[in-house]
């Protein structure tokens, strides 16, 4: 998985996930004449940290602007690194991928409600 494919969500999500841990990042302008950090800059930092932890998403992200001792253009973010469960599963009869909520396999027609516990 590429770092840029790691999902960023400002709030919580509807899918099942396993929490890995909290992460935070800070991006600041190098000089007074440098460009102001953007959400894309800080999201990339969050994605890099999440990738190091083995996560495929960051949820509950909160952003804040401020100053530091070396720069007045600072963007901070914090969130929770998680591993999202796939919304697809393999059919136990034909091994084709179907939606987790499916009650019938679209490939072989098998009833999937009997295989759930």
Protein backbone atom coordinates (compact mmCIF):
# COMPACT_ATOMS: atom_id res chain seq x y z
CA UNK A 1 0.00 0.00 0.00
CA UNK A 2 1.29 3.44 -0.92
CA UNK A 3 1.53 6.05 1.83
CA UNK A 4 -0.85 8.31 -0.09
CA UNK A 5 -3.51 5.55 -0.13
CA UNK A 6 -3.90 5.66 3.66
CA UNK A 7 -7.34 7.12 4.37
CA UNK A 8 -7.76 10.27 6.48
CA UNK A 9 -11.12 10.82 8.25
CA UNK A 10 -11.98 13.88 10.34
CA UNK A 11 -14.61 11.98 12.32
CA UNK A 12 -15.38 8.39 13.17
CA UNK A 13 -16.29 5.80 10.52
CA UNK A 14 -19.02 3.17 9.99
CA UNK A 15 -16.66 0.28 9.17
CA UNK A 16 -15.09 -2.09 11.68
CA UNK A 17 -11.51 -1.31 12.64
CA UNK A 18 -8.72 -2.21 15.04
CA UNK A 19 -7.09 0.69 16.90
CA UNK A 20 -3.30 0.81 16.72
CA UNK A 21 -2.57 4.06 18.55
CA UNK A 22 -2.70 7.82 18.62
CA UNK A 23 -0.46 9.83 16.31
CA UNK A 24 0.34 13.50 15.92
CA UNK A 25 2.27 15.59 13.42
CA UNK A 26 3.52 19.14 13.00
CA UNK A 27 4.45 21.04 9.85
CA UNK A 28 5.95 24.51 9.97
CA UNK A 29 7.29 27.07 7.56
CA UNK A 30 11.09 27.13 7.43
CA UNK A 31 11.31 30.92 7.22
CA UNK A 32 8.99 33.91 7.36
CA UNK A 33 8.95 33.89 3.55
CA UNK A 34 8.12 30.18 3.19
CA UNK A 35 4.65 29.09 2.18
CA UNK A 36 2.08 28.44 4.87
CA UNK A 37 1.66 24.70 5.56
CA UNK A 38 -1.49 23.16 4.01
CA UNK A 39 -3.81 20.33 4.99
CA UNK A 40 -2.17 18.23 2.28
CA UNK A 41 1.23 18.75 3.95
CA UNK A 42 0.03 17.70 7.40
CA UNK A 43 -2.06 14.80 6.06
CA UNK A 44 1.05 13.42 4.32
CA UNK A 45 2.90 13.52 7.66
CA UNK A 46 0.01 11.67 9.33
CA UNK A 47 -0.03 9.10 6.51
CA UNK A 48 3.73 8.53 6.86
CA UNK A 49 3.40 7.91 10.60
CA UNK A 50 0.41 5.62 10.12
CA UNK A 51 2.34 3.60 7.51
CA UNK A 52 5.21 3.08 9.97
CA UNK A 53 2.71 1.64 12.45
CA UNK A 54 1.07 -0.65 9.87
CA UNK A 55 -2.21 1.29 9.77
CA UNK A 56 -4.32 1.81 6.65
CA UNK A 57 -6.34 4.78 7.97
CA UNK A 58 -6.31 7.66 10.42
CA UNK A 59 -9.60 8.60 12.07
CA UNK A 60 -10.80 11.39 14.37
CA UNK A 61 -8.23 13.82 12.95
CA UNK A 62 -8.16 17.26 14.56
CA UNK A 63 -6.23 20.20 13.09
CA UNK A 64 -4.85 23.33 14.70
CA UNK A 65 -2.83 26.33 13.57
CA UNK A 66 -0.43 28.18 15.77
CA UNK A 67 3.12 29.32 16.39
CA UNK A 68 6.34 27.75 17.59
CA UNK A 69 9.62 29.21 18.81
CA UNK A 70 11.05 29.08 15.29
CA UNK A 71 8.01 29.82 13.12
CA UNK A 72 4.68 31.58 13.30
CA UNK A 73 3.26 29.36 10.53
CA UNK A 74 2.63 26.01 12.20
CA UNK A 75 -0.03 23.40 11.45
CA UNK A 76 -0.59 20.56 13.91
CA UNK A 77 -2.77 17.46 13.62
CA UNK A 78 -3.58 14.51 15.81
CA UNK A 79 -5.63 11.41 15.20
CA UNK A 80 -5.97 7.68 15.79
CA UNK A 81 -4.16 5.20 13.54
CA UNK A 82 -6.35 2.18 12.74
CA UNK A 83 -6.51 -0.89 10.52
CA UNK A 84 -9.82 -0.88 8.65
CA UNK A 85 -11.58 -4.15 8.01
CA UNK A 86 -12.36 -4.78 4.37
CA UNK A 87 -15.98 -4.25 3.32
CA UNK A 88 -15.68 -7.40 1.20
CA UNK A 89 -15.27 -11.05 2.21
CA UNK A 90 -14.69 -14.24 0.28
CA UNK A 91 -17.73 -16.40 -0.38
CA UNK A 92 -17.17 -19.67 1.54
CA UNK A 93 -18.56 -21.65 -1.43
CA UNK A 94 -16.88 -20.13 -4.51
CA UNK A 95 -14.14 -17.92 -2.95
CA UNK A 96 -15.22 -14.84 -4.95
CA UNK A 97 -15.33 -11.46 -3.19
CA UNK A 98 -18.76 -10.26 -2.08
CA UNK A 99 -19.89 -7.38 0.14
CA UNK A 100 -19.80 -8.16 3.87
CA UNK A 101 -23.52 -7.28 4.16
CA UNK A 102 -24.53 -9.58 1.28
CA UNK A 103 -27.09 -12.27 2.04
CA UNK A 104 -26.63 -14.06 -1.28
CA UNK A 105 -23.45 -14.53 -3.34
CA UNK A 106 -23.71 -12.68 -6.65
CA UNK A 107 -21.35 -15.20 -8.27
CA UNK A 108 -22.64 -18.63 -7.25
CA UNK A 109 -26.03 -17.76 -5.73
CA UNK A 110 -25.27 -19.39 -2.35
CA UNK A 111 -27.12 -18.26 0.78
CA UNK A 112 -24.57 -16.43 2.95
CA UNK A 113 -26.81 -15.94 6.00
CA UNK A 114 -26.22 -19.54 7.14
CA UNK A 115 -22.44 -19.08 7.25
CA UNK A 116 -22.48 -16.13 9.67
CA UNK A 117 -22.29 -16.61 13.38
